[in-house]
Each structure stands twice: as structure tokens, then as C-alpha cells.
Amino acid sequence: MIQCRMNEHNWNKTAGLLLKTEMKRKNMTSEKLAKRLKKIGVDTTADSIRQKISRGTLKTSLLLQCLYIMKTDSLDIGYLFPKEEE
């Protein structure tokens, strides 16, 4: 039963929610994020980041790059997933 629900889970939307939450926690705007990404060779814009989050098309590589430049060393991800009944 749990496996069935997780198969239906929208993982891309979850990645976007994770990034959005971490950006708020770090007081990071999409503009600041895009500027810092350019410094490590990632060519993107603030609008592109916002669109990827809202559409659920955020790739894992971009998520990891964003977490890296925000100096995220740990994540609490429990809020991202619904509590499952045994």
C-alpha cells in the first residue's frame, strides 16, 4: 500500500518544494540564486528558476547546485512526505 502511494508521488514537484523552502530558510531570492549559479558556470535566470519550481521540472543536478551555493549542509525533509499508516 505504501509503495503504491509513493509511486504516484510527484517527485519533481517535491524537489521544487524542497528548493523553495530552503531558499526561504536562507533568505535567498531567485535573483540572488541565479547570480550565484552563474559564478559556478550555470547559465540560468531568476525567471527560469521560478518556472522550473512552479512547473515541477526542476532537475536533480540544478537542485544540488543550488543547495551547494546556498551552503546547505543538512536538510530536514520529513515535511515533504505524507505520514503513512502501517
C-alpha atoms as a PDB file:
ATOM      1  CA  MET A   1       0.000   0.000   0.000  1.00  0.00           C
ATOM      2  CA  ILE A   2       2.744   2.490   0.893  1.00  0.00           C
ATOM      3  CA  GLN A   3       4.705   1.637  -2.254  1.00  0.00           C
ATOM      4  CA  CYS A   4       1.637   2.313  -4.420  1.00  0.00           C
ATOM      5  CA  ARG A   5       1.158   5.820  -2.986  1.00  0.00           C
ATOM      6  CA  MET A   6       4.833   6.700  -3.362  1.00  0.00           C
ATOM      7  CA  ASN A   7       4.751   5.568  -6.999  1.00  0.00           C
ATOM      8  CA  GLU A   8       2.045   8.198  -7.579  1.00  0.00           C
ATOM      9  CA  HIS A   9       4.070  10.882  -5.788  1.00  0.00           C
ATOM     10  CA  ASN A  10       5.202  13.815  -7.961  1.00  0.00           C
ATOM     11  CA  TRP A  11       8.923  13.787  -7.234  1.00  0.00           C
ATOM     12  CA  ASN A  12       9.709  16.797  -9.420  1.00  0.00           C
ATOM     13  CA  LYS A  13       7.199  18.945  -7.532  1.00  0.00           C
ATOM     14  CA  THR A  14       8.725  17.722  -4.281  1.00  0.00           C
ATOM     15  CA  ALA A  15      12.201  18.771  -5.455  1.00  0.00           C
ATOM     16  CA  GLY A  16      10.828  22.226  -6.257  1.00  0.00           C
ATOM     17  CA  LEU A  17       9.178  22.483  -2.846  1.00  0.00           C
ATOM     18  CA  LEU A  18      12.444  21.477  -1.203  1.00  0.00           C
ATOM     19  CA  LEU A  19      14.340  24.196  -3.072  1.00  0.00           C
ATOM     20  CA  LYS A  20      11.668  26.822  -2.419  1.00  0.00           C
ATOM     21  CA  THR A  21      11.665  26.012   1.301  1.00  0.00           C
ATOM     22  CA  GLU A  22      15.446  26.116   1.524  1.00  0.00           C
ATOM     23  CA  MET A  23      15.527  29.434  -0.351  1.00  0.00           C
ATOM     24  CA  LYS A  24      13.118  30.918   2.198  1.00  0.00           C
ATOM     25  CA  ARG A  25      15.107  29.491   5.071  1.00  0.00           C
ATOM     26  CA  LYS A  26      18.325  31.005   3.695  1.00  0.00           C
ATOM     27  CA  ASN A  27      16.619  34.285   2.693  1.00  0.00           C
ATOM     28  CA  MET A  28      17.659  33.669  -0.922  1.00  0.00           C
ATOM     29  CA  THR A  29      15.770  35.216  -3.829  1.00  0.00           C
ATOM     30  CA  SER A  30      15.657  33.699  -7.303  1.00  0.00           C
ATOM     31  CA  GLU A  31      17.737  36.658  -8.496  1.00  0.00           C
ATOM     32  CA  LYS A  32      20.491  36.025  -5.937  1.00  0.00           C
ATOM     33  CA  LEU A  33      20.396  32.332  -6.699  1.00  0.00           C
ATOM     34  CA  ALA A  34      20.777  32.884 -10.457  1.00  0.00           C
ATOM     35  CA  LYS A  35      23.677  35.285  -9.880  1.00  0.00           C
ATOM     36  CA  ARG A  36      25.494  32.796  -7.657  1.00  0.00           C
ATOM     37  CA  LEU A  37      24.825  29.951 -10.085  1.00  0.00           C
ATOM     38  CA  LYS A  38      26.479  31.971 -12.863  1.00  0.00           C
ATOM     39  CA  LYS A  39      29.630  32.177 -10.698  1.00  0.00           C
ATOM     40  CA  ILE A  40      29.942  28.370 -10.797  1.00  0.00           C
ATOM     41  CA  GLY A  41      29.211  28.190 -14.528  1.00  0.00           C
ATOM     42  CA  VAL A  42      25.473  27.508 -14.514  1.00  0.00           C
ATOM     43  CA  ASP A  43      23.766  29.749 -17.055  1.00  0.00           C
ATOM     44  CA  THR A  44      20.226  30.348 -15.834  1.00  0.00           C
ATOM     45  CA  THR A  45      17.913  33.207 -14.956  1.00  0.00           C
ATOM     46  CA  ALA A  46      15.708  34.002 -11.973  1.00  0.00           C
ATOM     47  CA  ASP A  47      12.628  33.546 -14.174  1.00  0.00           C
ATOM     48  CA  SER A  48      13.843  30.140 -15.307  1.00  0.00           C
ATOM     49  CA  ILE A  49      14.363  29.004 -11.716  1.00  0.00           C
ATOM     50  CA  ARG A  50      10.874  30.190 -10.727  1.00  0.00           C
ATOM     51  CA  GLN A  51       9.319  28.455 -13.746  1.00  0.00           C
ATOM     52  CA  LYS A  52      11.091  25.167 -13.039  1.00  0.00           C
ATOM     53  CA  ILE A  53       9.866  25.227  -9.454  1.00  0.00           C
ATOM     54  CA  SER A  54       6.257  26.065 -10.373  1.00  0.00           C
ATOM     55  CA  ARG A  55       6.053  23.600 -13.284  1.00  0.00           C
ATOM     56  CA  GLY A  56       7.717  20.774 -11.405  1.00  0.00           C
ATOM     57  CA  THR A  57      10.558  20.442 -13.907  1.00  0.00           C
ATOM     58  CA  LEU A  58      13.493  21.065 -11.579  1.00  0.00           C
ATOM     59  CA  LYS A  59      16.319  18.649 -12.370  1.00  0.00           C
ATOM     60  CA  THR A  60      18.304  16.981  -9.624  1.00  0.00           C
ATOM     61  CA  SER A  61      21.559  18.490 -10.869  1.00  0.00           C
ATOM     62  CA  LEU A  62      20.193  22.040 -10.550  1.00  0.00           C
ATOM     63  CA  LEU A  63      18.742  21.268  -7.116  1.00  0.00           C
ATOM     64  CA  LEU A  64      22.135  20.020  -5.928  1.00  0.00           C
ATOM     65  CA  GLN A  65      23.924  23.027  -7.424  1.00  0.00           C
ATOM     66  CA  CYS A  66      21.502  25.363  -5.650  1.00  0.00           C
ATOM     67  CA  LEU A  67      21.935  23.580  -2.333  1.00  0.00           C
ATOM     68  CA  TYR A  68      25.700  23.781  -2.805  1.00  0.00           C
ATOM     69  CA  ILE A  69      25.802  27.522  -3.430  1.00  0.00           C
ATOM     70  CA  MET A  70      23.410  28.157  -0.535  1.00  0.00           C
ATOM     71  CA  LYS A  71      25.880  26.234   1.651  1.00  0.00           C
ATOM     72  CA  THR A  72      23.232  23.768   2.770  1.00  0.00           C
ATOM     73  CA  ASP A  73      24.887  21.082   4.844  1.00  0.00           C
ATOM     74  CA  SER A  74      21.809  19.271   6.105  1.00  0.00           C
ATOM     75  CA  LEU A  75      18.117  19.017   5.260  1.00  0.00           C
ATOM     76  CA  ASP A  76      15.013  18.116   7.220  1.00  0.00           C
ATOM     77  CA  ILE A  77      12.744  16.547   4.606  1.00  0.00           C
ATOM     78  CA  GLY A  78      10.086  14.955   6.791  1.00  0.00           C
ATOM     79  CA  TYR A  79       7.578  17.710   5.927  1.00  0.00           C
ATOM     80  CA  LEU A  80       7.736  16.759   2.256  1.00  0.00           C
ATOM     81  CA  PHE A  81       6.058  13.390   2.600  1.00  0.00           C
ATOM     82  CA  PRO A  82       2.636  12.431   3.918  1.00  0.00           C
ATOM     83  CA  LYS A  83       2.578  10.271   7.020  1.00  0.00           C
ATOM     84  CA  GLU A  84       1.787   6.694   6.061  1.00  0.00           C
ATOM     85  CA  GLU A  85      -0.345   4.353   8.119  1.00  0.00           C
ATOM     86  CA  GLU A  86       1.128   0.917   8.746  1.00  0.00           C
END
